[in-house]
Amino acid sequence: MDALTISAQFAAYTWYMEMKDEATTAKEEGVRFAREHATAFTSCAHEGLGRLLIRLAAGGRGVRRRRKLAAEPLSQL
């Protein structure tokens, strides 16, 4: 799936869960709604958010960056 579609589905799911009472709404209903109505939410979807969601779903398989070590202060002579 492409990132824009993922972002649109996330927007649809979030909207649906906010509009419905979460106590009575099952997550499966929200997922079904998101898949069926993602095209209606494409105008408010952002490709960058979709890429981020895809990276988060992939887990820890991303590139790890080394932390920069703080430079130690020079001792005074």
C-alpha atoms as a PDB file:
ATOM      1  CA  MET A   1       0.000   0.000   0.000  1.00  0.00           C
ATOM      2  CA  ASP A   2       1.172   3.473  -0.618  1.00  0.00           C
ATOM      3  CA  ALA A   3       1.730   6.047   2.112  1.00  0.00           C
ATOM      4  CA  LEU A   4      -1.123   8.329   1.046  1.00  0.00           C
ATOM      5  CA  THR A   5      -3.647   5.489   1.328  1.00  0.00           C
ATOM      6  CA  ILE A   6      -2.358   4.550   4.789  1.00  0.00           C
ATOM      7  CA  SER A   7      -2.641   8.164   5.907  1.00  0.00           C
ATOM      8  CA  ALA A   8      -6.197   8.429   4.546  1.00  0.00           C
ATOM      9  CA  GLN A   9      -7.195   5.229   6.321  1.00  0.00           C
ATOM     10  CA  PHE A  10      -5.711   6.533   9.559  1.00  0.00           C
ATOM     11  CA  ALA A  11      -7.668   9.785   9.189  1.00  0.00           C
ATOM     12  CA  ALA A  12     -10.888   7.840   8.522  1.00  0.00           C
ATOM     13  CA  TYR A  13     -10.292   5.540  11.492  1.00  0.00           C
ATOM     14  CA  THR A  14      -9.512   8.433  13.823  1.00  0.00           C
ATOM     15  CA  TRP A  15     -12.579  10.382  12.702  1.00  0.00           C
ATOM     16  CA  TYR A  16     -14.834   7.344  13.100  1.00  0.00           C
ATOM     17  CA  MET A  17     -13.568   6.531  16.589  1.00  0.00           C
ATOM     18  CA  GLU A  18     -13.975  10.159  17.694  1.00  0.00           C
ATOM     19  CA  MET A  19     -17.527  10.399  16.341  1.00  0.00           C
ATOM     20  CA  LYS A  20     -18.715   7.136  17.831  1.00  0.00           C
ATOM     21  CA  ASP A  21     -18.814   6.279  21.496  1.00  0.00           C
ATOM     22  CA  GLU A  22     -15.625   4.306  22.053  1.00  0.00           C
ATOM     23  CA  ALA A  23     -17.265   2.181  24.739  1.00  0.00           C
ATOM     24  CA  THR A  24     -19.789   0.782  22.262  1.00  0.00           C
ATOM     25  CA  THR A  25     -17.645   0.842  19.127  1.00  0.00           C
ATOM     26  CA  ALA A  26     -15.403  -2.111  18.434  1.00  0.00           C
ATOM     27  CA  LYS A  27     -12.016  -1.521  16.840  1.00  0.00           C
ATOM     28  CA  GLU A  28     -12.984  -3.867  14.026  1.00  0.00           C
ATOM     29  CA  GLU A  29     -15.835  -1.541  13.055  1.00  0.00           C
ATOM     30  CA  GLY A  30     -13.412   1.365  12.877  1.00  0.00           C
ATOM     31  CA  VAL A  31     -10.991  -0.612  10.710  1.00  0.00           C
ATOM     32  CA  ARG A  32     -13.804  -1.642   8.365  1.00  0.00           C
ATOM     33  CA  PHE A  33     -15.015   1.952   8.111  1.00  0.00           C
ATOM     34  CA  ALA A  34     -11.472   3.178   7.399  1.00  0.00           C
ATOM     35  CA  ARG A  35     -10.942   0.682   4.585  1.00  0.00           C
ATOM     36  CA  GLU A  36     -14.305   1.407   2.980  1.00  0.00           C
ATOM     37  CA  HIS A  37     -14.165   5.222   3.231  1.00  0.00           C
ATOM     38  CA  ALA A  38     -10.452   6.021   2.861  1.00  0.00           C
ATOM     39  CA  THR A  39     -10.998   7.756  -0.487  1.00  0.00           C
ATOM     40  CA  ALA A  40     -13.239  10.344   1.182  1.00  0.00           C
ATOM     41  CA  PHE A  41     -10.381  11.258   3.540  1.00  0.00           C
ATOM     42  CA  THR A  42      -7.652  11.503   0.893  1.00  0.00           C
ATOM     43  CA  SER A  43      -7.933  15.299   0.794  1.00  0.00           C
ATOM     44  CA  CYS A  44      -6.817  15.559   4.418  1.00  0.00           C
ATOM     45  CA  ALA A  45      -4.194  12.796   4.201  1.00  0.00           C
ATOM     46  CA  HIS A  46      -0.478  13.548   4.204  1.00  0.00           C
ATOM     47  CA  GLU A  47       2.041  11.263   2.545  1.00  0.00           C
ATOM     48  CA  GLY A  48       4.669  11.956   5.207  1.00  0.00           C
ATOM     49  CA  LEU A  49       2.341  10.751   7.937  1.00  0.00           C
ATOM     50  CA  GLY A  50       1.672   7.599   5.950  1.00  0.00           C
ATOM     51  CA  ARG A  51       5.403   6.923   5.627  1.00  0.00           C
ATOM     52  CA  LEU A  52       5.798   7.440   9.375  1.00  0.00           C
ATOM     53  CA  LEU A  53       2.947   5.028  10.129  1.00  0.00           C
ATOM     54  CA  ILE A  54       4.485   2.435   7.825  1.00  0.00           C
ATOM     55  CA  ARG A  55       7.857   2.785   9.578  1.00  0.00           C
ATOM     56  CA  LEU A  56       6.210   2.448  12.979  1.00  0.00           C
ATOM     57  CA  ALA A  57       4.326  -0.658  11.879  1.00  0.00           C
ATOM     58  CA  ALA A  58       7.552  -2.201  10.577  1.00  0.00           C
ATOM     59  CA  GLY A  59       8.980  -2.196  14.084  1.00  0.00           C
ATOM     60  CA  GLY A  60      12.644  -1.949  14.938  1.00  0.00           C
ATOM     61  CA  ARG A  61      13.901  -2.766  11.475  1.00  0.00           C
ATOM     62  CA  GLY A  62      14.765   0.847  10.717  1.00  0.00           C
ATOM     63  CA  VAL A  63      18.168   2.437  10.583  1.00  0.00           C
ATOM     64  CA  ARG A  64      19.622   3.125  13.969  1.00  0.00           C
ATOM     65  CA  ARG A  65      21.689   6.208  14.388  1.00  0.00           C
ATOM     66  CA  ARG A  66      24.630   6.494  16.662  1.00  0.00           C
ATOM     67  CA  ARG A  67      24.353   9.046  19.386  1.00  0.00           C
ATOM     68  CA  LYS A  68      26.907  11.779  19.323  1.00  0.00           C
ATOM     69  CA  LEU A  69      29.053  11.708  22.379  1.00  0.00           C
ATOM     70  CA  ALA A  70      29.415  14.968  24.181  1.00  0.00           C
ATOM     71  CA  ALA A  71      32.890  16.408  23.847  1.00  0.00           C
ATOM     72  CA  GLU A  72      34.771  16.247  27.079  1.00  0.00           C
ATOM     73  CA  PRO A  73      35.975  19.602  28.334  1.00  0.00           C
ATOM     74  CA  LEU A  74      39.654  20.279  27.918  1.00  0.00           C
ATOM     75  CA  SER A  75      41.508  20.304  31.166  1.00  0.00           C
ATOM     76  CA  GLN A  76      42.999  23.619  32.075  1.00  0.00           C
ATOM     77  CA  LEU A  77      46.774  23.776  32.095  1.00  0.00           C
END
